[in-house]
PDB file of all heavy atoms in Angstrom:
ATOM      1  N   ASN A   1       8.861  12.181  12.500  1.00  0.00           N
ATOM      2  CA  ASN A   1       7.512  11.666  12.298  1.00  0.00           C
ATOM      3  C   ASN A   1       6.822  11.279  13.597  1.00  0.00           C
ATOM      4  O   ASN A   1       6.359  10.165  13.784  1.00  0.00           O
ATOM      5  CB  ASN A   1       7.533  10.474  11.341  1.00  0.00           C
ATOM      6  CG  ASN A   1       8.128  10.833  10.006  1.00  0.00           C
ATOM      7  OD1 ASN A   1       7.884  11.911   9.488  1.00  0.00           O
ATOM      8  ND2 ASN A   1       8.935   9.951   9.464  1.00  0.00           N
ATOM      9  N   TYR A   2       6.831  12.174  14.545  1.00  0.00           N
ATOM     10  CA  TYR A   2       6.097  12.040  15.804  1.00  0.00           C
ATOM     11  C   TYR A   2       6.540  10.845  16.643  1.00  0.00           C
ATOM     12  O   TYR A   2       5.748  10.053  17.098  1.00  0.00           O
ATOM     13  CB  TYR A   2       4.591  11.979  15.558  1.00  0.00           C
ATOM     14  CG  TYR A   2       4.092  13.216  14.886  1.00  0.00           C
ATOM     15  CD1 TYR A   2       3.821  13.215  13.530  1.00  0.00           C
ATOM     16  CD2 TYR A   2       3.931  14.396  15.588  1.00  0.00           C
ATOM     17  CE1 TYR A   2       3.378  14.356  12.892  1.00  0.00           C
ATOM     18  CE2 TYR A   2       3.496  15.542  14.959  1.00  0.00           C
ATOM     19  CZ  TYR A   2       3.222  15.520  13.612  1.00  0.00           C
ATOM     20  OH  TYR A   2       2.797  16.657  12.993  1.00  0.00           O
ATOM     21  N   GLY A   3       7.760  10.705  16.831  1.00  0.00           N
ATOM     22  CA  GLY A   3       8.281   9.739  17.772  1.00  0.00           C
ATOM     23  C   GLY A   3       8.660   8.391  17.194  1.00  0.00           C
ATOM     24  O   GLY A   3       9.136   7.536  17.917  1.00  0.00           O
ATOM     25  N   TYR A   4       8.434   8.156  15.914  1.00  0.00           N
ATOM     26  CA  TYR A   4       8.838   6.887  15.311  1.00  0.00           C
ATOM     27  C   TYR A   4      10.232   7.043  14.743  1.00  0.00           C
ATOM     28  O   TYR A   4      10.600   8.078  14.216  1.00  0.00           O
ATOM     29  CB  TYR A   4       7.890   6.478  14.180  1.00  0.00           C
ATOM     30  CG  TYR A   4       6.504   6.180  14.666  1.00  0.00           C
ATOM     31  CD1 TYR A   4       5.465   7.067  14.431  1.00  0.00           C
ATOM     32  CD2 TYR A   4       6.228   5.015  15.373  1.00  0.00           C
ATOM     33  CE1 TYR A   4       4.191   6.803  14.889  1.00  0.00           C
ATOM     34  CE2 TYR A   4       4.966   4.748  15.835  1.00  0.00           C
ATOM     35  CZ  TYR A   4       3.945   5.640  15.593  1.00  0.00           C
ATOM     36  OH  TYR A   4       2.702   5.380  16.041  1.00  0.00           O
ATOM     37  N   ALA A   5      11.008   5.969  14.835  1.00  0.00           N
ATOM     38  CA  ALA A   5      12.353   6.013  14.270  1.00  0.00           C
ATOM     39  C   ALA A   5      12.241   6.139  12.758  1.00  0.00           C
ATOM     40  O   ALA A   5      11.362   5.551  12.143  1.00  0.00           O
ATOM     41  CB  ALA A   5      13.116   4.749  14.647  1.00  0.00           C
ATOM     42  N   ASN A   6      13.118   6.899  12.141  1.00  0.00           N
ATOM     43  CA  ASN A   6      13.058   7.134  10.702  1.00  0.00           C
ATOM     44  C   ASN A   6      13.097   5.840   9.912  1.00  0.00           C
ATOM     45  O   ASN A   6      12.346   5.660   8.973  1.00  0.00           O
ATOM     46  CB  ASN A   6      14.217   8.035  10.271  1.00  0.00           C
ATOM     47  CG  ASN A   6      13.955   9.481  10.618  1.00  0.00           C
ATOM     48  OD1 ASN A   6      12.816   9.886  10.736  1.00  0.00           O
ATOM     49  ND2 ASN A   6      15.030  10.239  10.786  1.00  0.00           N
ATOM     50  N   SER A   7      13.982   4.954  10.233  1.00  0.00           N
ATOM     51  CA  SER A   7      14.123   3.727   9.460  1.00  0.00           C
ATOM     52  C   SER A   7      12.890   2.839   9.608  1.00  0.00           C
ATOM     53  O   SER A   7      12.394   2.272   8.643  1.00  0.00           O
ATOM     54  CB  SER A   7      15.379   2.970   9.880  1.00  0.00           C
ATOM     55  OG  SER A   7      15.261   2.584  11.241  1.00  0.00           O
ATOM     56  N   GLY A   8      12.339   2.720  10.773  1.00  0.00           N
ATOM     57  CA  GLY A   8      11.154   1.885  10.992  1.00  0.00           C
ATOM     58  C   GLY A   8       9.922   2.471  10.323  1.00  0.00           C
ATOM     59  O   GLY A   8       9.107   1.766   9.744  1.00  0.00           O
ATOM     60  N   TYR A   9       9.792   3.787  10.399  1.00  0.00           N
ATOM     61  CA  TYR A   9       8.639   4.452   9.808  1.00  0.00           C
ATOM     62  C   TYR A   9       8.667   4.346   8.292  1.00  0.00           C
ATOM     63  O   TYR A   9       7.651   4.061   7.676  1.00  0.00           O
ATOM     64  CB  TYR A   9       8.613   5.918  10.240  1.00  0.00           C
ATOM     65  CG  TYR A   9       7.415   6.657   9.693  1.00  0.00           C
ATOM     66  CD1 TYR A   9       6.159   6.464  10.257  1.00  0.00           C
ATOM     67  CD2 TYR A   9       7.545   7.534   8.626  1.00  0.00           C
ATOM     68  CE1 TYR A   9       5.052   7.135   9.755  1.00  0.00           C
ATOM     69  CE2 TYR A   9       6.451   8.203   8.121  1.00  0.00           C
ATOM     70  CZ  TYR A   9       5.201   8.005   8.690  1.00  0.00           C
ATOM     71  OH  TYR A   9       4.121   8.671   8.198  1.00  0.00           O
ATOM     72  N   SER A  10       9.837   4.549   7.691  1.00  0.00           N
ATOM     73  CA  SER A  10       9.933   4.472   6.229  1.00  0.00           C
ATOM     74  C   SER A  10       9.695   3.037   5.750  1.00  0.00           C
ATOM     75  O   SER A  10       9.100   2.826   4.693  1.00  0.00           O
ATOM     76  CB  SER A  10      11.270   5.005   5.740  1.00  0.00           C
ATOM     77  OG  SER A  10      12.328   4.196   6.206  1.00  0.00           O
ATOM     78  N   ALA A  11      10.118   2.055   6.526  1.00  0.00           N
ATOM     79  CA  ALA A  11       9.860   0.661   6.146  1.00  0.00           C
ATOM     80  C   ALA A  11       8.361   0.383   6.182  1.00  0.00           C
ATOM     81  O   ALA A  11       7.810  -0.272   5.283  1.00  0.00           O
ATOM     82  CB  ALA A  11      10.604  -0.288   7.077  1.00  0.00           C
ATOM     83  N   CYS A  12       7.692   0.894   7.204  1.00  0.00           N
ATOM     84  CA  CYS A  12       6.240   0.730   7.292  1.00  0.00           C
ATOM     85  C   CYS A  12       5.546   1.461   6.150  1.00  0.00           C
ATOM     86  O   CYS A  12       4.572   0.951   5.568  1.00  0.00           O
ATOM     87  CB  CYS A  12       5.720   1.239   8.628  1.00  0.00           C
ATOM     88  SG  CYS A  12       6.106   0.162  10.022  1.00  0.00           S
ATOM     89  N   GLU A  13       6.021   2.661   5.815  1.00  0.00           N
ATOM     90  CA  GLU A  13       5.441   3.422   4.713  1.00  0.00           C
ATOM     91  C   GLU A  13       5.615   2.693   3.385  1.00  0.00           C
ATOM     92  O   GLU A  13       4.700   2.635   2.582  1.00  0.00           O
ATOM     93  CB  GLU A  13       6.095   4.808   4.615  1.00  0.00           C
ATOM     94  CG  GLU A  13       5.481   5.874   5.462  1.00  0.00           C
ATOM     95  CD  GLU A  13       4.047   6.179   5.071  1.00  0.00           C
ATOM     96  OE1 GLU A  13       3.750   6.338   3.870  1.00  0.00           O
ATOM     97  OE2 GLU A  13       3.215   6.245   5.986  1.00  0.00           O
ATOM     98  N   GLU A  14       6.806   2.131   3.173  1.00  0.00           N
ATOM     99  CA  GLU A  14       7.068   1.397   1.933  1.00  0.00           C
ATOM    100  C   GLU A  14       6.165   0.174   1.837  1.00  0.00           C
ATOM    101  O   GLU A  14       5.599  -0.114   0.776  1.00  0.00           O
ATOM    102  CB  GLU A  14       8.539   0.989   1.865  1.00  0.00           C
ATOM    103  CG  GLU A  14       9.476   2.135   1.602  1.00  0.00           C
ATOM    104  CD  GLU A  14      10.936   1.712   1.684  1.00  0.00           C
ATOM    105  OE1 GLU A  14      11.204   0.494   1.757  1.00  0.00           O
ATOM    106  OE2 GLU A  14      11.796   2.615   1.669  1.00  0.00           O
ATOM    107  N   GLU A  15       6.030  -0.540   2.942  1.00  0.00           N
ATOM    108  CA  GLU A  15       5.150  -1.716   2.934  1.00  0.00           C
ATOM    109  C   GLU A  15       3.701  -1.293   2.717  1.00  0.00           C
ATOM    110  O   GLU A  15       2.958  -1.935   1.972  1.00  0.00           O
ATOM    111  CB  GLU A  15       5.275  -2.482   4.256  1.00  0.00           C
ATOM    112  CG  GLU A  15       4.462  -3.764   4.265  1.00  0.00           C
ATOM    113  CD  GLU A  15       4.636  -4.560   5.543  1.00  0.00           C
ATOM    114  OE1 GLU A  15       5.402  -4.154   6.430  1.00  0.00           O
ATOM    115  OE2 GLU A  15       3.971  -5.608   5.634  1.00  0.00           O
ATOM    116  N   ASN A  16       3.308  -0.198   3.358  1.00  0.00           N
ATOM    117  CA  ASN A  16       1.962   0.338   3.170  1.00  0.00           C
ATOM    118  C   ASN A  16       1.718   0.704   1.706  1.00  0.00           C
ATOM    119  O   ASN A  16       0.662   0.396   1.146  1.00  0.00           O
ATOM    120  CB  ASN A  16       1.768   1.574   4.042  1.00  0.00           C
ATOM    121  CG  ASN A  16       0.650   1.418   5.011  1.00  0.00           C
ATOM    122  OD1 ASN A  16      -0.012   0.399   5.042  1.00  0.00           O
ATOM    123  ND2 ASN A  16       0.437   2.448   5.820  1.00  0.00           N
ATOM    124  N   ASP A  17       2.689   1.381   1.095  1.00  0.00           N
ATOM    125  CA  ASP A  17       2.572   1.756  -0.312  1.00  0.00           C
ATOM    126  C   ASP A  17       2.475   0.525  -1.208  1.00  0.00           C
ATOM    127  O   ASP A  17       1.671   0.490  -2.142  1.00  0.00           O
ATOM    128  CB  ASP A  17       3.761   2.622  -0.739  1.00  0.00           C
ATOM    129  CG  ASP A  17       3.740   4.001  -0.115  1.00  0.00           C
ATOM    130  OD1 ASP A  17       2.646   4.411   0.373  1.00  0.00           O
ATOM    131  OD2 ASP A  17       4.797   4.655  -0.089  1.00  0.00           O
ATOM    132  N   ARG A  18       3.308  -0.473  -0.905  1.00  0.00           N
ATOM    133  CA  ARG A  18       3.290  -1.711  -1.690  1.00  0.00           C
ATOM    134  C   ARG A  18       1.944  -2.417  -1.556  1.00  0.00           C
ATOM    135  O   ARG A  18       1.353  -2.845  -2.559  1.00  0.00           O
ATOM    136  CB  ARG A  18       4.419  -2.635  -1.217  1.00  0.00           C
ATOM    137  CG  ARG A  18       4.557  -3.911  -2.033  1.00  0.00           C
ATOM    138  CD  ARG A  18       5.678  -4.798  -1.508  1.00  0.00           C
ATOM    139  NE  ARG A  18       5.569  -5.107  -0.083  1.00  0.00           N
ATOM    140  CZ  ARG A  18       4.763  -6.044   0.433  1.00  0.00           C
ATOM    141  NH1 ARG A  18       3.995  -6.749  -0.365  1.00  0.00           N
ATOM    142  NH2 ARG A  18       4.730  -6.268   1.727  1.00  0.00           N
ATOM    143  N   LEU A  19       1.435  -2.514  -0.347  1.00  0.00           N
ATOM    144  CA  LEU A  19       0.145  -3.162  -0.125  1.00  0.00           C
ATOM    145  C   LEU A  19      -0.995  -2.369  -0.755  1.00  0.00           C
ATOM    146  O   LEU A  19      -1.941  -2.948  -1.309  1.00  0.00           O
ATOM    147  CB  LEU A  19      -0.098  -3.363   1.374  1.00  0.00           C
ATOM    148  CG  LEU A  19       0.795  -4.395   2.068  1.00  0.00           C
ATOM    149  CD1 LEU A  19       0.554  -4.387   3.565  1.00  0.00           C
ATOM    150  CD2 LEU A  19       0.567  -5.782   1.492  1.00  0.00           C
ATOM    151  N   THR A  20      -0.894  -1.038  -0.699  1.00  0.00           N
ATOM    152  CA  THR A  20      -1.907  -0.181  -1.312  1.00  0.00           C
ATOM    153  C   THR A  20      -1.922  -0.372  -2.822  1.00  0.00           C
ATOM    154  O   THR A  20      -2.984  -0.477  -3.437  1.00  0.00           O
ATOM    155  CB  THR A  20      -1.647   1.299  -0.969  1.00  0.00           C
ATOM    156  OG1 THR A  20      -1.625   1.448   0.448  1.00  0.00           O
ATOM    157  CG2 THR A  20      -2.699   2.205  -1.568  1.00  0.00           C
ATOM    158  N   GLU A  21      -0.743  -0.434  -3.415  1.00  0.00           N
ATOM    159  CA  GLU A  21      -0.648  -0.642  -4.863  1.00  0.00           C
ATOM    160  C   GLU A  21      -1.192  -2.020  -5.248  1.00  0.00           C
ATOM    161  O   GLU A  21      -1.897  -2.160  -6.254  1.00  0.00           O
ATOM    162  CB  GLU A  21       0.809  -0.478  -5.319  1.00  0.00           C
ATOM    163  CG  GLU A  21       0.979  -0.360  -6.812  1.00  0.00           C
ATOM    164  CD  GLU A  21       0.277   0.853  -7.385  1.00  0.00           C
ATOM    165  OE1 GLU A  21       0.184   1.896  -6.709  1.00  0.00           O
ATOM    166  OE2 GLU A  21      -0.211   0.753  -8.532  1.00  0.00           O
ATOM    167  N   SER A  22      -0.865  -3.031  -4.456  1.00  0.00           N
ATOM    168  CA  SER A  22      -1.383  -4.375  -4.706  1.00  0.00           C
ATOM    169  C   SER A  22      -2.906  -4.391  -4.621  1.00  0.00           C
ATOM    170  O   SER A  22      -3.581  -4.977  -5.459  1.00  0.00           O
ATOM    171  CB  SER A  22      -0.780  -5.357  -3.696  1.00  0.00           C
ATOM    172  OG  SER A  22      -1.382  -6.618  -3.796  1.00  0.00           O
ATOM    173  N   LEU A  23      -3.434  -3.714  -3.613  1.00  0.00           N
ATOM    174  CA  LEU A  23      -4.876  -3.627  -3.452  1.00  0.00           C
ATOM    175  C   LEU A  23      -5.511  -2.883  -4.615  1.00  0.00           C
ATOM    176  O   LEU A  23      -6.571  -3.273  -5.113  1.00  0.00           O
ATOM    177  CB  LEU A  23      -5.207  -2.940  -2.124  1.00  0.00           C
ATOM    178  CG  LEU A  23      -6.681  -2.862  -1.742  1.00  0.00           C
ATOM    179  CD1 LEU A  23      -7.265  -4.252  -1.593  1.00  0.00           C
ATOM    180  CD2 LEU A  23      -6.835  -2.070  -0.454  1.00  0.00           C
ATOM    181  N   ARG A  24      -4.860  -1.826  -5.098  1.00  0.00           N
ATOM    182  CA  ARG A  24      -5.369  -1.061  -6.229  1.00  0.00           C
ATOM    183  C   ARG A  24      -5.450  -1.939  -7.476  1.00  0.00           C
ATOM    184  O   ARG A  24      -6.438  -1.898  -8.212  1.00  0.00           O
ATOM    185  CB  ARG A  24      -4.477   0.155  -6.486  1.00  0.00           C
ATOM    186  CG  ARG A  24      -4.987   1.051  -7.611  1.00  0.00           C
ATOM    187  CD  ARG A  24      -4.140   2.299  -7.809  1.00  0.00           C
ATOM    188  NE  ARG A  24      -4.253   3.160  -6.631  1.00  0.00           N
ATOM    189  CZ  ARG A  24      -3.220   3.581  -5.912  1.00  0.00           C
ATOM    190  NH1 ARG A  24      -1.999   3.214  -6.233  1.00  0.00           N
ATOM    191  NH2 ARG A  24      -3.399   4.363  -4.871  1.00  0.00           N
ATOM    192  N   HIS A  25      -4.420  -2.766  -7.706  1.00  0.00           N
ATOM    193  CA  HIS A  25      -4.429  -3.670  -8.868  1.00  0.00           C
ATOM    194  C   HIS A  25      -5.545  -4.696  -8.738  1.00  0.00           C
ATOM    195  O   HIS A  25      -6.234  -5.009  -9.724  1.00  0.00           O
ATOM    196  CB  HIS A  25      -3.081  -4.371  -9.024  1.00  0.00           C
ATOM    197  CG  HIS A  25      -1.978  -3.484  -9.499  1.00  0.00           C
ATOM    198  ND1 HIS A  25      -2.009  -2.834 -10.704  1.00  0.00           N
ATOM    199  CD2 HIS A  25      -0.800  -3.135  -8.913  1.00  0.00           C
ATOM    200  CE1 HIS A  25      -0.906  -2.119 -10.856  1.00  0.00           C
ATOM    201  NE2 HIS A  25      -0.147  -2.282  -9.773  1.00  0.00           N
ATOM    202  N   LYS A  26      -5.737  -5.226  -7.540  1.00  0.00           N
ATOM    203  CA  LYS A  26      -6.798  -6.216  -7.334  1.00  0.00           C
ATOM    204  C   LYS A  26      -8.177  -5.605  -7.542  1.00  0.00           C
ATOM    205  O   LYS A  26      -9.047  -6.209  -8.159  1.00  0.00           O
ATOM    206  CB  LYS A  26      -6.689  -6.815  -5.931  1.00  0.00           C
ATOM    207  CG  LYS A  26      -5.496  -7.736  -5.776  1.00  0.00           C
ATOM    208  CD  LYS A  26      -5.372  -8.251  -4.363  1.00  0.00           C
ATOM    209  CE  LYS A  26      -4.113  -9.098  -4.197  1.00  0.00           C
ATOM    210  NZ  LYS A  26      -3.946  -9.554  -2.820  1.00  0.00           N
ATOM    211  N   VAL A  27      -8.372  -4.391  -7.043  1.00  0.00           N
ATOM    212  CA  VAL A  27      -9.655  -3.711  -7.223  1.00  0.00           C
ATOM    213  C   VAL A  27      -9.904  -3.434  -8.701  1.00  0.00           C
ATOM    214  O   VAL A  27     -11.016  -3.606  -9.200  1.00  0.00           O
ATOM    215  CB  VAL A  27      -9.706  -2.405  -6.387  1.00  0.00           C
ATOM    216  CG1 VAL A  27     -10.869  -1.531  -6.793  1.00  0.00           C
ATOM    217  CG2 VAL A  27      -9.771  -2.731  -4.911  1.00  0.00           C
ATOM    218  N   THR A  28      -8.867  -3.024  -9.425  1.00  0.00           N
ATOM    219  CA  THR A  28      -8.994  -2.772 -10.864  1.00  0.00           C
ATOM    220  C   THR A  28      -9.368  -4.051 -11.601  1.00  0.00           C
ATOM    221  O   THR A  28     -10.230  -4.044 -12.484  1.00  0.00           O
ATOM    222  CB  THR A  28      -7.686  -2.196 -11.430  1.00  0.00           C
ATOM    223  OG1 THR A  28      -7.353  -1.009 -10.701  1.00  0.00           O
ATOM    224  CG2 THR A  28      -7.807  -1.874 -12.900  1.00  0.00           C
ATOM    225  N   ALA A  29      -8.717  -5.164 -11.228  1.00  0.00           N
ATOM    226  CA  ALA A  29      -9.026  -6.445 -11.866  1.00  0.00           C
ATOM    227  C   ALA A  29     -10.463  -6.868 -11.571  1.00  0.00           C
ATOM    228  O   ALA A  29     -11.182  -7.325 -12.471  1.00  0.00           O
ATOM    229  CB  ALA A  29      -8.046  -7.520 -11.383  1.00  0.00           C
ATOM    230  N   ILE A  30     -10.902  -6.697 -10.334  1.00  0.00           N
ATOM    231  CA  ILE A  30     -12.271  -7.064  -9.971  1.00  0.00           C
ATOM    232  C   ILE A  30     -13.275  -6.168 -10.689  1.00  0.00           C
ATOM    233  O   ILE A  30     -14.317  -6.640 -11.149  1.00  0.00           O
ATOM    234  CB  ILE A  30     -12.455  -6.999  -8.433  1.00  0.00           C
ATOM    235  CG1 ILE A  30     -11.681  -8.143  -7.775  1.00  0.00           C
ATOM    236  CG2 ILE A  30     -13.921  -7.088  -8.051  1.00  0.00           C
ATOM    237  CD1 ILE A  30     -11.647  -8.070  -6.267  1.00  0.00           C
ATOM    238  N   LYS A  31     -12.945  -4.897 -10.829  1.00  0.00           N
ATOM    239  CA  LYS A  31     -13.828  -3.966 -11.530  1.00  0.00           C
ATOM    240  C   LYS A  31     -13.981  -4.372 -12.993  1.00  0.00           C
ATOM    241  O   LYS A  31     -15.098  -4.431 -13.514  1.00  0.00           O
ATOM    242  CB  LYS A  31     -13.286  -2.539 -11.431  1.00  0.00           C
ATOM    243  CG  LYS A  31     -14.149  -1.526 -12.139  1.00  0.00           C
ATOM    244  CD  LYS A  31     -13.544  -0.137 -12.062  1.00  0.00           C
ATOM    245  CE  LYS A  31     -14.357   0.856 -12.868  1.00  0.00           C
ATOM    246  NZ  LYS A  31     -13.726   2.176 -12.862  1.00  0.00           N
ATOM    247  N   SER A  32     -12.868  -4.665 -13.662  1.00  0.00           N
ATOM    248  CA  SER A  32     -12.954  -5.053 -15.076  1.00  0.00           C
ATOM    249  C   SER A  32     -13.690  -6.386 -15.222  1.00  0.00           C
ATOM    250  O   SER A  32     -14.467  -6.573 -16.164  1.00  0.00           O
ATOM    251  CB  SER A  32     -11.561  -5.135 -15.703  1.00  0.00           C
ATOM    252  OG  SER A  32     -10.799  -6.150 -15.102  1.00  0.00           O
ATOM    253  N   LEU A  33     -13.481  -7.297 -14.279  1.00  0.00           N
ATOM    254  CA  LEU A  33     -14.179  -8.575 -14.314  1.00  0.00           C
ATOM    255  C   LEU A  33     -15.679  -8.382 -14.131  1.00  0.00           C
ATOM    256  O   LEU A  33     -16.482  -8.988 -14.840  1.00  0.00           O
ATOM    257  CB  LEU A  33     -13.626  -9.508 -13.234  1.00  0.00           C
ATOM    258  CG  LEU A  33     -14.177 -10.928 -13.210  1.00  0.00           C
ATOM    259  CD1 LEU A  33     -13.852 -11.650 -14.503  1.00  0.00           C
ATOM    260  CD2 LEU A  33     -13.593 -11.678 -12.027  1.00  0.00           C
ATOM    261  N   SER A  34     -16.062  -7.513 -13.209  1.00  0.00           N
ATOM    262  CA  SER A  34     -17.496  -7.273 -12.991  1.00  0.00           C
ATOM    263  C   SER A  34     -18.125  -6.583 -14.203  1.00  0.00           C
ATOM    264  O   SER A  34     -19.277  -6.852 -14.542  1.00  0.00           O
ATOM    265  CB  SER A  34     -17.716  -6.448 -11.723  1.00  0.00           C
ATOM    266  OG  SER A  34     -17.175  -5.164 -11.864  1.00  0.00           O
ATOM    267  N   ILE A  35     -17.391  -5.732 -14.886  1.00  0.00           N
ATOM    268  CA  ILE A  35     -17.902  -5.098 -16.108  1.00  0.00           C
ATOM    269  C   ILE A  35     -18.106  -6.144 -17.188  1.00  0.00           C
ATOM    270  O   ILE A  35     -19.132  -6.160 -17.879  1.00  0.00           O
ATOM    271  CB  ILE A  35     -16.954  -3.973 -16.575  1.00  0.00           C
ATOM    272  CG1 ILE A  35     -17.035  -2.796 -15.602  1.00  0.00           C
ATOM    273  CG2 ILE A  35     -17.282  -3.525 -17.986  1.00  0.00           C
ATOM    274  CD1 ILE A  35     -16.002  -1.717 -15.851  1.00  0.00           C
TER     275      ILE A  35
END
């Protein structure tokens, strides 16, 4: 992955995915609340 260590990159990807999913849930909740 372009010079990043596999273990460090996958940990960052997992955290990114987790944060993205959390953000998606928050956006969905805000959308339903605004409706």
